[in-house]
Protein backbone atom coordinates (compact mmCIF):
# COMPACT_ATOMS: atom_id res chain seq x y z
CA UNK A 1 -1.62 37.72 -20.85
CA UNK A 2 1.05 36.33 -23.36
CA UNK A 3 1.67 33.01 -23.67
CA UNK A 4 4.39 32.63 -25.83
CA UNK A 5 5.70 28.81 -27.12
CA UNK A 6 3.41 25.89 -27.74
CA UNK A 7 0.67 24.57 -24.90
CA UNK A 8 0.84 20.78 -24.29
CA UNK A 9 -2.34 19.41 -23.99
CA UNK A 10 -0.95 16.40 -21.87
CA UNK A 11 -0.86 16.33 -18.14
CA UNK A 12 2.57 15.56 -16.51
CA UNK A 13 2.46 12.09 -15.79
CA UNK A 14 5.26 10.03 -14.72
CA UNK A 15 6.24 7.50 -16.69
CA UNK A 16 5.56 3.63 -15.82
CA UNK A 17 9.12 3.03 -14.85
CA UNK A 18 9.16 5.86 -12.47
CA UNK A 19 5.99 5.15 -10.93
CA UNK A 20 6.92 1.73 -10.25
CA UNK A 21 9.92 2.69 -8.80
CA UNK A 22 8.09 4.70 -5.84
CA UNK A 23 5.93 1.67 -5.63
CA UNK A 24 9.28 -0.35 -4.74
CA UNK A 25 10.72 2.51 -2.39
CA UNK A 26 7.15 3.03 -0.71
CA UNK A 27 6.73 -0.87 -0.13
CA UNK A 28 10.56 -0.86 1.09
CA UNK A 29 10.08 1.55 3.86
CA UNK A 30 6.87 -0.25 4.82
CA UNK A 31 8.56 -3.31 5.30
CA UNK A 32 11.33 -1.30 7.46
CA UNK A 33 8.80 0.29 9.50
CA UNK A 34 7.16 -2.72 10.28
CA UNK A 35 10.41 -4.38 11.09
CA UNK A 36 11.40 -1.51 13.64
CA UNK A 37 8.03 -1.68 15.19
CA UNK A 38 8.49 -5.40 16.26
CA UNK A 39 12.25 -4.32 17.21
CA UNK A 40 10.83 -1.53 19.17
CA UNK A 41 7.82 -3.72 20.77
CA UNK A 42 10.46 -6.03 21.87
CA UNK A 43 12.95 -3.70 23.29
CA UNK A 44 9.53 -2.55 25.47
CA UNK A 45 8.81 0.92 24.03
CA UNK A 46 4.87 1.21 24.83
CA UNK A 47 4.70 -1.46 27.66
CA UNK A 48 2.20 -0.31 30.08
CA UNK A 49 3.46 0.62 33.45
CA UNK A 50 2.23 -1.37 36.33
CA UNK A 51 1.40 1.48 38.41
CA UNK A 52 -0.46 4.79 37.04
CA UNK A 53 -0.91 3.39 33.78
CA UNK A 54 -3.47 3.87 31.41
CA UNK A 55 -5.50 1.10 31.60
CA UNK A 56 -6.88 -1.08 28.84
CA UNK A 57 -7.34 1.75 26.28
CA UNK A 58 -3.35 2.46 26.67
CA UNK A 59 -3.02 -1.50 25.99
CA UNK A 60 -5.27 -0.79 22.94
CA UNK A 61 -3.78 2.15 21.37
CA UNK A 62 0.20 1.25 22.09
CA UNK A 63 0.45 -0.23 18.74
CA UNK A 64 -0.12 2.87 17.28
CA UNK A 65 2.19 4.78 18.55
CA UNK A 66 4.63 2.13 18.14
CA UNK A 67 4.04 2.25 14.31
CA UNK A 68 3.97 5.76 14.13
CA UNK A 69 7.58 5.75 16.12
CA UNK A 70 8.51 3.28 13.65
CA UNK A 71 7.49 5.58 10.56
CA UNK A 72 9.10 8.33 11.83
CA UNK A 73 12.53 6.50 12.58
CA UNK A 74 11.80 5.53 8.29
CA UNK A 75 11.24 9.11 7.71
CA UNK A 76 14.50 10.38 9.23
CA UNK A 77 16.86 7.92 7.29
CA UNK A 78 15.80 4.35 8.95
CA UNK A 79 18.67 1.62 9.78
CA UNK A 80 19.55 1.62 5.97
CA UNK A 81 17.30 -1.77 5.73
CA UNK A 82 14.73 -0.22 3.39
CA UNK A 83 17.47 1.11 0.89
CA UNK A 84 18.91 -2.46 0.85
CA UNK A 85 15.17 -3.83 0.02
CA UNK A 86 14.80 -1.10 -2.82
CA UNK A 87 18.05 -2.38 -4.40
CA UNK A 88 17.19 -5.97 -4.34
CA UNK A 89 13.77 -5.28 -5.70
CA UNK A 90 14.91 -3.18 -8.60
CA UNK A 91 17.52 -5.51 -9.81
CA UNK A 92 14.93 -8.27 -9.05
CA UNK A 93 12.52 -6.11 -11.71
């Protein structure tokens, strides 16, 4: 095997600034997901039907389902709240 050119002994690590930007974006998306989860709960998503419901078990795990829906909404683009929060956090830094 012929390897030409210098080899780098340092791993490819993102700079501190890039890592911080990723943290801010992740925090913004989590905040939007939390907001959307509350809005979905308020709209009645996950409400147990009075008849033929899943009982206590369904009630206990509904919050996980609502949170998963909210996270998928954010992954699909959300409502734009995360981007506004992210921009505000970047400006503040």
